[in-house]
C-alpha atoms as a PDB file:
ATOM      1  CA  MET A   1      22.815  -2.366   7.288  1.00  0.00           C
ATOM      2  CA  THR A   2      19.491  -0.352   8.596  1.00  0.00           C
ATOM      3  CA  LEU A   3      17.370   0.957   5.750  1.00  0.00           C
ATOM      4  CA  ARG A   4      15.980   4.315   5.531  1.00  0.00           C
ATOM      5  CA  ILE A   5      12.418   4.911   4.368  1.00  0.00           C
ATOM      6  CA  CYS A   6      10.585   7.738   3.621  1.00  0.00           C
ATOM      7  CA  ILE A   7       6.895   7.359   4.165  1.00  0.00           C
ATOM      8  CA  LEU A   8       4.769   9.915   1.928  1.00  0.00           C
ATOM      9  CA  GLU A   9       1.249   9.849   3.906  1.00  0.00           C
ATOM     10  CA  THR A  10      -1.506  10.729   2.174  1.00  0.00           C
ATOM     11  CA  ASP A  11      -4.649  10.718   4.353  1.00  0.00           C
ATOM     12  CA  ILE A  12      -5.354  12.368   7.820  1.00  0.00           C
ATOM     13  CA  ILE A  13      -7.056   9.688   9.910  1.00  0.00           C
ATOM     14  CA  ARG A  14     -10.601   9.979  11.370  1.00  0.00           C
ATOM     15  CA  PRO A  15     -10.510  12.210  14.701  1.00  0.00           C
ATOM     16  CA  GLU A  16     -12.424   9.063  16.552  1.00  0.00           C
ATOM     17  CA  PHE A  17      -9.638   6.865  15.526  1.00  0.00           C
ATOM     18  CA  TYR A  18      -6.947   8.980  16.620  1.00  0.00           C
ATOM     19  CA  GLU A  19      -6.635   7.876  20.386  1.00  0.00           C
ATOM     20  CA  GLN A  20      -6.248   4.068  19.383  1.00  0.00           C
ATOM     21  CA  PHE A  21      -4.513   4.392  16.220  1.00  0.00           C
ATOM     22  CA  HIS A  22      -2.824   7.787  15.991  1.00  0.00           C
ATOM     23  CA  SER A  23      -2.028   7.870  12.010  1.00  0.00           C
ATOM     24  CA  TYR A  24      -1.517   5.849   9.051  1.00  0.00           C
ATOM     25  CA  GLY A  25       2.238   6.820   9.480  1.00  0.00           C
ATOM     26  CA  ARG A  26       2.398   5.202  12.844  1.00  0.00           C
ATOM     27  CA  MET A  27       0.688   1.889  11.847  1.00  0.00           C
ATOM     28  CA  PHE A  28       3.275   1.458   9.033  1.00  0.00           C
ATOM     29  CA  LYS A  29       5.722   2.067  11.336  1.00  0.00           C
ATOM     30  CA  GLU A  30       4.303  -0.383  14.085  1.00  0.00           C
ATOM     31  CA  LEU A  31       3.981  -3.056  11.046  1.00  0.00           C
ATOM     32  CA  PHE A  32       7.822  -2.609   9.939  1.00  0.00           C
ATOM     33  CA  ALA A  33       8.821  -3.339  13.524  1.00  0.00           C
ATOM     34  CA  LYS A  34       7.097  -6.756  13.515  1.00  0.00           C
ATOM     35  CA  GLN A  35       9.574  -7.744  10.693  1.00  0.00           C
ATOM     36  CA  PRO A  36      13.417  -8.818  11.000  1.00  0.00           C
ATOM     37  CA  ILE A  37      14.857  -6.453   8.472  1.00  0.00           C
ATOM     38  CA  PRO A  38      16.557  -3.402   9.987  1.00  0.00           C
ATOM     39  CA  ALA A  39      15.072  -0.191   9.038  1.00  0.00           C
ATOM     40  CA  GLU A  40      14.189   3.402  10.296  1.00  0.00           C
ATOM     41  CA  PHE A  41      11.142   5.621   9.170  1.00  0.00           C
ATOM     42  CA  GLU A  42      10.232   8.935   8.380  1.00  0.00           C
ATOM     43  CA  VAL A  43       6.766  10.326   7.846  1.00  0.00           C
ATOM     44  CA  PHE A  44       5.692  13.078   6.000  1.00  0.00           C
ATOM     45  CA  ASN A  45       2.355  14.251   5.367  1.00  0.00           C
ATOM     46  CA  VAL A  46       2.012  15.222   1.649  1.00  0.00           C
ATOM     47  CA  VAL A  47      -1.700  16.059   2.188  1.00  0.00           C
ATOM     48  CA  HIS A  48      -0.572  19.260   4.228  1.00  0.00           C
ATOM     49  CA  GLY A  49       2.454  19.411   1.969  1.00  0.00           C
ATOM     50  CA  ASP A  50       5.056  18.279   3.859  1.00  0.00           C
ATOM     51  CA  TYR A  51       7.859  16.543   1.683  1.00  0.00           C
ATOM     52  CA  PRO A  52      11.815  15.471   2.477  1.00  0.00           C
ATOM     53  CA  ALA A  53      14.320  18.097   2.457  1.00  0.00           C
ATOM     54  CA  ASP A  54      16.772  15.838   1.667  1.00  0.00           C
ATOM     55  CA  THR A  55      16.135  13.593  -1.058  1.00  0.00           C
ATOM     56  CA  GLU A  56      19.726  11.648  -0.819  1.00  0.00           C
ATOM     57  CA  ARG A  57      19.111  10.194   2.629  1.00  0.00           C
ATOM     58  CA  TYR A  58      16.627   7.443   1.822  1.00  0.00           C
ATOM     59  CA  ASP A  59      16.539   4.353   0.363  1.00  0.00           C
ATOM     60  CA  ALA A  60      13.003   3.916  -0.759  1.00  0.00           C
ATOM     61  CA  TYR A  61       9.593   5.702  -0.462  1.00  0.00           C
ATOM     62  CA  LEU A  62       6.257   4.353   0.535  1.00  0.00           C
ATOM     63  CA  VAL A  63       3.082   5.824  -0.516  1.00  0.00           C
ATOM     64  CA  THR A  64       0.296   4.801   1.905  1.00  0.00           C
ATOM     65  CA  GLY A  65      -3.572   4.582   1.095  1.00  0.00           C
ATOM     66  CA  SER A  66      -5.915   7.229   1.154  1.00  0.00           C
ATOM     67  CA  LYS A  67      -9.776   8.002   0.911  1.00  0.00           C
ATOM     68  CA  SER A  68      -9.196  10.055  -1.952  1.00  0.00           C
ATOM     69  CA  ASP A  69      -9.109   9.114  -5.605  1.00  0.00           C
ATOM     70  CA  SER A  70      -5.795   8.361  -7.392  1.00  0.00           C
ATOM     71  CA  PHE A  71      -6.917   9.599 -10.474  1.00  0.00           C
ATOM     72  CA  GLY A  72      -8.563  12.566  -8.805  1.00  0.00           C
ATOM     73  CA  PRO A  73      -7.895  16.325  -9.509  1.00  0.00           C
ATOM     74  CA  ASP A  74      -6.762  17.766  -6.092  1.00  0.00           C
ATOM     75  CA  PRO A  75      -3.611  19.889  -6.164  1.00  0.00           C
ATOM     76  CA  TRP A  76      -1.709  18.005  -3.801  1.00  0.00           C
ATOM     77  CA  ILE A  77      -2.166  14.599  -5.784  1.00  0.00           C
ATOM     78  CA  GLN A  78      -0.871  16.886  -8.612  1.00  0.00           C
ATOM     79  CA  ARG A  79       2.162  17.610  -6.613  1.00  0.00           C
ATOM     80  CA  LEU A  80       2.629  14.164  -5.329  1.00  0.00           C
ATOM     81  CA  LYS A  81       2.251  12.989  -9.099  1.00  0.00           C
ATOM     82  CA  ASP A  82       5.455  15.182  -9.885  1.00  0.00           C
ATOM     83  CA  TYR A  83       7.533  14.044  -7.028  1.00  0.00           C
ATOM     84  CA  LEU A  84       7.091  10.645  -7.323  1.00  0.00           C
ATOM     85  CA  MET A  85       8.347  11.083 -11.324  1.00  0.00           C
ATOM     86  CA  GLN A  86      11.055  13.174 -10.479  1.00  0.00           C
ATOM     87  CA  ARG A  87      12.080   9.811  -7.781  1.00  0.00           C
ATOM     88  CA  TYR A  88      11.460   7.258 -10.248  1.00  0.00           C
ATOM     89  CA  ARG A  89      13.775   8.946 -12.936  1.00  0.00           C
ATOM     90  CA  ASN A  90      16.161   9.525 -10.326  1.00  0.00           C
ATOM     91  CA  GLY A  91      16.086   5.451  -9.582  1.00  0.00           C
ATOM     92  CA  ASP A  92      14.891   5.677  -6.622  1.00  0.00           C
ATOM     93  CA  LYS A  93      12.985   2.611  -5.114  1.00  0.00           C
ATOM     94  CA  LEU A  94       9.086   3.210  -4.594  1.00  0.00           C
ATOM     95  CA  LEU A  95       6.337   1.290  -2.702  1.00  0.00           C
ATOM     96  CA  GLY A  96       2.664   1.729  -2.940  1.00  0.00           C
ATOM     97  CA  VAL A  97      -0.284   0.273  -0.842  1.00  0.00           C
ATOM     98  CA  CYS A  98      -3.787   0.903  -1.979  1.00  0.00           C
ATOM     99  CA  PHE A  99      -3.935   4.387  -3.164  1.00  0.00           C
ATOM    100  CA  GLY A 100      -0.107   4.511  -3.980  1.00  0.00           C
ATOM    101  CA  HIS A 101      -0.470   1.067  -5.857  1.00  0.00           C
ATOM    102  CA  GLN A 102      -3.239   2.672  -7.946  1.00  0.00           C
ATOM    103  CA  LEU A 103      -1.108   6.031  -8.180  1.00  0.00           C
ATOM    104  CA  LEU A 104       2.054   4.829  -9.190  1.00  0.00           C
ATOM    105  CA  ALA A 105       0.029   2.468 -11.908  1.00  0.00           C
ATOM    106  CA  ILE A 106      -1.240   5.704 -13.437  1.00  0.00           C
ATOM    107  CA  LEU A 107       1.998   7.319 -13.338  1.00  0.00           C
ATOM    108  CA  LEU A 108       3.628   4.717 -15.078  1.00  0.00           C
ATOM    109  CA  GLY A 109       1.214   4.449 -17.729  1.00  0.00           C
ATOM    110  CA  GLY A 110      -1.639   2.164 -16.507  1.00  0.00           C
ATOM    111  CA  THR A 111      -4.936   2.680 -15.755  1.00  0.00           C
ATOM    112  CA  THR A 112      -6.863   3.481 -12.205  1.00  0.00           C
ATOM    113  CA  GLU A 113     -10.563   3.430 -11.981  1.00  0.00           C
ATOM    114  CA  ARG A 114     -13.872   2.912  -9.830  1.00  0.00           C
ATOM    115  CA  SER A 115     -14.478  -0.749  -9.933  1.00  0.00           C
ATOM    116  CA  ASP A 116     -17.999  -1.782 -11.248  1.00  0.00           C
ATOM    117  CA  LYS A 117     -17.102  -4.959  -8.791  1.00  0.00           C
ATOM    118  CA  GLY A 118     -17.732  -2.562  -5.832  1.00  0.00           C
ATOM    119  CA  TRP A 119     -16.131  -2.303  -2.392  1.00  0.00           C
ATOM    120  CA  GLY A 120     -13.389  -4.650  -1.425  1.00  0.00           C
ATOM    121  CA  LEU A 121     -13.419  -4.798   2.487  1.00  0.00           C
ATOM    122  CA  GLY A 122     -12.379  -7.244   4.817  1.00  0.00           C
ATOM    123  CA  VAL A 123      -9.676 -10.277   4.473  1.00  0.00           C
ATOM    124  CA  HIS A 124      -9.052 -10.897   0.954  1.00  0.00           C
ATOM    125  CA  HIS A 125      -7.293 -13.841  -0.528  1.00  0.00           C
ATOM    126  CA  TYR A 126      -4.865 -13.571  -3.647  1.00  0.00           C
ATOM    127  CA  GLN A 127      -3.495 -16.195  -5.495  1.00  0.00           C
ATOM    128  CA  MET A 128       0.775 -15.260  -6.107  1.00  0.00           C
ATOM    129  CA  THR A 129       1.209 -15.545  -9.794  1.00  0.00           C
ATOM    130  CA  GLU A 130       5.301 -14.820  -9.452  1.00  0.00           C
ATOM    131  CA  THR A 131       7.932 -16.047  -7.212  1.00  0.00           C
ATOM    132  CA  LYS A 132      10.871 -13.374  -6.875  1.00  0.00           C
ATOM    133  CA  SER A 133      14.175 -13.964  -5.051  1.00  0.00           C
ATOM    134  CA  TRP A 134      12.927 -11.266  -2.087  1.00  0.00           C
ATOM    135  CA  MET A 135       9.484 -12.948  -1.213  1.00  0.00           C
ATOM    136  CA  THR A 136      10.890 -14.548   1.961  1.00  0.00           C
ATOM    137  CA  PRO A 137       8.689 -15.975   3.207  1.00  0.00           C
ATOM    138  CA  GLN A 138       6.973 -17.972   0.136  1.00  0.00           C
ATOM    139  CA  VAL A 139       3.082 -18.248   0.261  1.00  0.00           C
ATOM    140  CA  SER A 140       1.102 -19.160  -2.342  1.00  0.00           C
ATOM    141  CA  ASP A 141      -2.131 -17.641  -1.090  1.00  0.00           C
ATOM    142  CA  LEU A 142      -1.794 -14.183   0.101  1.00  0.00           C
ATOM    143  CA  LYS A 143      -4.326 -12.899   2.736  1.00  0.00           C
ATOM    144  CA  MET A 144      -4.683  -9.174   2.976  1.00  0.00           C
ATOM    145  CA  LEU A 145      -7.147  -6.745   4.896  1.00  0.00           C
ATOM    146  CA  ALA A 146      -8.595  -4.212   2.005  1.00  0.00           C
ATOM    147  CA  VAL A 147     -10.556  -1.483   1.748  1.00  0.00           C
ATOM    148  CA  HIS A 148     -11.176  -0.023  -1.585  1.00  0.00           C
ATOM    149  CA  GLN A 149     -13.855   0.853  -4.291  1.00  0.00           C
ATOM    150  CA  ASP A 150     -11.151   1.667  -7.000  1.00  0.00           C
ATOM    151  CA  GLN A 151      -8.802  -0.728  -8.798  1.00  0.00           C
ATOM    152  CA  VAL A 152      -5.988  -0.895 -11.136  1.00  0.00           C
ATOM    153  CA  THR A 153      -7.537  -1.911 -14.555  1.00  0.00           C
ATOM    154  CA  ARG A 154      -4.444  -1.933 -16.801  1.00  0.00           C
ATOM    155  CA  LEU A 155      -0.973  -2.472 -15.410  1.00  0.00           C
ATOM    156  CA  PRO A 156       2.027  -0.532 -16.794  1.00  0.00           C
ATOM    157  CA  GLU A 157       3.664  -1.928 -19.944  1.00  0.00           C
ATOM    158  CA  ASN A 158       6.570  -2.866 -18.298  1.00  0.00           C
ATOM    159  CA  ALA A 159       5.234  -4.103 -14.914  1.00  0.00           C
ATOM    160  CA  THR A 160       4.887  -7.763 -13.760  1.00  0.00           C
ATOM    161  CA  LEU A 161       1.898  -8.871 -12.377  1.00  0.00           C
ATOM    162  CA  LEU A 162       2.608 -10.607  -8.646  1.00  0.00           C
ATOM    163  CA  ALA A 163      -0.772 -11.664  -7.282  1.00  0.00           C
ATOM    164  CA  SER A 164      -4.419 -11.625  -8.479  1.00  0.00           C
ATOM    165  CA  SER A 165      -8.146 -12.769  -7.348  1.00  0.00           C
ATOM    166  CA  GLU A 166     -11.230 -12.704  -9.113  1.00  0.00           C
ATOM    167  CA  PHE A 167     -12.606  -9.782  -7.569  1.00  0.00           C
ATOM    168  CA  CYS A 168      -9.082  -7.794  -7.950  1.00  0.00           C
ATOM    169  CA  PRO A 169      -7.108  -8.738 -11.069  1.00  0.00           C
ATOM    170  CA  TYR A 170      -4.204  -6.827 -10.336  1.00  0.00           C
ATOM    171  CA  ALA A 171      -3.583  -6.753  -6.494  1.00  0.00           C
ATOM    172  CA  ALA A 172      -0.074  -6.507  -6.880  1.00  0.00           C
ATOM    173  CA  TYR A 173       2.571  -5.575  -9.070  1.00  0.00           C
ATOM    174  CA  SER A 174       6.438  -5.205  -9.718  1.00  0.00           C
ATOM    175  CA  VAL A 175       8.398  -2.765 -11.807  1.00  0.00           C
ATOM    176  CA  GLY A 176      11.853  -4.164 -12.385  1.00  0.00           C
ATOM    177  CA  ASP A 177      13.843  -3.859  -9.034  1.00  0.00           C
ATOM    178  CA  GLN A 178      12.426  -0.311  -8.308  1.00  0.00           C
ATOM    179  CA  VAL A 179       8.693  -0.271  -7.654  1.00  0.00           C
ATOM    180  CA  LEU A 180       6.667  -2.673  -5.842  1.00  0.00           C
ATOM    181  CA  CYS A 181       3.135  -1.844  -4.839  1.00  0.00           C
ATOM    182  CA  PHE A 182       0.132  -4.154  -3.413  1.00  0.00           C
ATOM    183  CA  GLN A 183      -3.883  -2.911  -3.472  1.00  0.00           C
ATOM    184  CA  GLY A 184      -4.404  -4.555   0.127  1.00  0.00           C
ATOM    185  CA  HIS A 185      -3.289  -3.030   3.339  1.00  0.00           C
ATOM    186  CA  PRO A 186      -0.399  -4.595   5.140  1.00  0.00           C
ATOM    187  CA  GLU A 187      -0.510  -2.092   7.961  1.00  0.00           C
ATOM    188  CA  PHE A 188      -3.870  -2.262   9.139  1.00  0.00           C
ATOM    189  CA  ILE A 189      -4.908  -4.874  12.023  1.00  0.00           C
ATOM    190  CA  HIS A 190      -8.195  -6.181  12.427  1.00  0.00           C
ATOM    191  CA  ASP A 191      -9.532  -3.841  14.870  1.00  0.00           C
ATOM    192  CA  PHE A 192      -8.752  -1.031  12.541  1.00  0.00           C
ATOM    193  CA  SER A 193     -10.804  -2.958   9.811  1.00  0.00           C
ATOM    194  CA  GLN A 194     -13.587  -3.227  11.979  1.00  0.00           C
ATOM    195  CA  ALA A 195     -13.734  -0.042  13.108  1.00  0.00           C
ATOM    196  CA  VAL A 196     -14.088   1.141   9.613  1.00  0.00           C
ATOM    197  CA  LEU A 197     -16.796  -1.052   9.041  1.00  0.00           C
ATOM    198  CA  ASP A 198     -18.708  -0.023  12.037  1.00  0.00           C
ATOM    199  CA  LEU A 199     -18.352   3.588  11.053  1.00  0.00           C
ATOM    200  CA  ARG A 200     -19.244   3.153   7.390  1.00  0.00           C
ATOM    201  CA  ARG A 201     -21.657   0.420   7.880  1.00  0.00           C
ATOM    202  CA  PRO A 202     -24.392   2.682   6.208  1.00  0.00           C
ATOM    203  CA  VAL A 203     -22.616   3.410   3.754  1.00  0.00           C
ATOM    204  CA  PHE A 204     -21.678  -0.438   2.814  1.00  0.00           C
ATOM    205  CA  GLY A 205     -25.148  -1.481   3.405  1.00  0.00           C
ATOM    206  CA  GLU A 206     -26.092  -4.268   5.574  1.00  0.00           C
ATOM    207  CA  THR A 207     -25.267  -7.452   3.636  1.00  0.00           C
ATOM    208  CA  LEU A 208     -21.988  -6.478   2.335  1.00  0.00           C
ATOM    209  CA  TYR A 209     -21.194  -5.412   6.308  1.00  0.00           C
ATOM    210  CA  GLN A 210     -21.971  -8.997   7.455  1.00  0.00           C
ATOM    211  CA  ARG A 211     -20.034 -10.549   4.973  1.00  0.00           C
ATOM    212  CA  SER A 212     -16.926  -8.433   5.258  1.00  0.00           C
ATOM    213  CA  VAL A 213     -16.940  -8.779   9.042  1.00  0.00           C
ATOM    214  CA  ASP A 214     -17.108 -12.386   8.599  1.00  0.00           C
ATOM    215  CA  THR A 215     -13.684 -12.419   6.524  1.00  0.00           C
ATOM    216  CA  LEU A 216     -12.330 -11.102   9.741  1.00  0.00           C
ATOM    217  CA  ARG A 217     -12.245 -14.408  11.093  1.00  0.00           C
ATOM    218  CA  HIS A 218      -9.180 -15.350   8.793  1.00  0.00           C
ATOM    219  CA  GLU A 219      -5.534 -14.204   9.522  1.00  0.00           C
ATOM    220  CA  GLN A 220      -3.896 -11.638   7.650  1.00  0.00           C
ATOM    221  CA  GLN A 221       0.048 -11.245   6.470  1.00  0.00           C
ATOM    222  CA  GLY A 222       0.862  -7.876   6.537  1.00  0.00           C
ATOM    223  CA  VAL A 223       3.783  -8.745   8.288  1.00  0.00           C
ATOM    224  CA  THR A 224       5.018 -11.151   5.401  1.00  0.00           C
ATOM    225  CA  VAL A 225       4.251  -8.153   2.693  1.00  0.00           C
ATOM    226  CA  ALA A 226       6.232  -5.778   5.062  1.00  0.00           C
ATOM    227  CA  GLU A 227       9.266  -8.111   5.180  1.00  0.00           C
ATOM    228  CA  TRP A 228       9.086  -8.818   1.284  1.00  0.00           C
ATOM    229  CA  MET A 229       8.716  -4.606   0.957  1.00  0.00           C
ATOM    230  CA  MET A 230      12.224  -4.478   3.019  1.00  0.00           C
ATOM    231  CA  ARG A 231      13.918  -7.227   1.374  1.00  0.00           C
ATOM    232  CA  PHE A 232      12.968  -5.539  -2.282  1.00  0.00           C
ATOM    233  CA  VAL A 233      14.583  -2.281  -1.137  1.00  0.00           C
ATOM    234  CA  ALA A 234      17.265  -4.032   0.199  1.00  0.00           C
ATOM    235  CA  GLU A 235      18.195  -6.173  -2.634  1.00  0.00           C
ATOM    236  CA  GLY A 236      21.325  -5.174  -4.752  1.00  0.00           C
ATOM    237  CA  LYS A 237      22.448  -2.608  -1.731  1.00  0.00           C
ATOM    238  CA  HIS A 238      25.818  -3.485  -0.366  1.00  0.00           C
ATOM    239  CA  PRO A 239      25.989  -3.291   3.460  1.00  0.00           C
ATOM    240  CA  ALA A 240      27.102  -0.219   4.866  1.00  0.00           C
END
């Protein structure tokens, strides 16, 4: 059985990053190619207003990260919220990363805000608070690359907290067998994080920049998260 995943791309990569990294959708495709569950992907850039015509085609919808605020008033964000609510009410599986993690929390009754803790950058460590059947391989300490200053500050009432840290208490959550979200970026690699840190060094400030660069000595477990996502989508499905 090959899973069919619709990637809803919620940003456009900066021109100076295009040659090496191409797009966020492509980063996700390259990530999922490293995990063992067979899957195929189609990418639609919702900032440009691109959406799939066939909503029966996909096993899940993945909402990417974005430099935009998930609680922002942009028309494309409002359209995306309407679309995702339709998918949720239809029983479709939804995956969220960073902006997607935050947007789905808002959509399902939680709260996302600008964090008073400032920017989360580099490799972050999260403690797993739950063990689910689809979490193979299992880890107790999850390491993910992060770039965010907004955070989920209240989970939807029916959500289960999966991972947490002092800096980011709601780092991952699920809603039943339908929604799975992570604040960190499984699709990022160290080179991309370094490029972002270098580009925005004046914005982040020297102390935070140096501290964040130092964390890039640590490995990250994006491929593990990618496998969890695909196992989450596959769970309950019958082989084709």
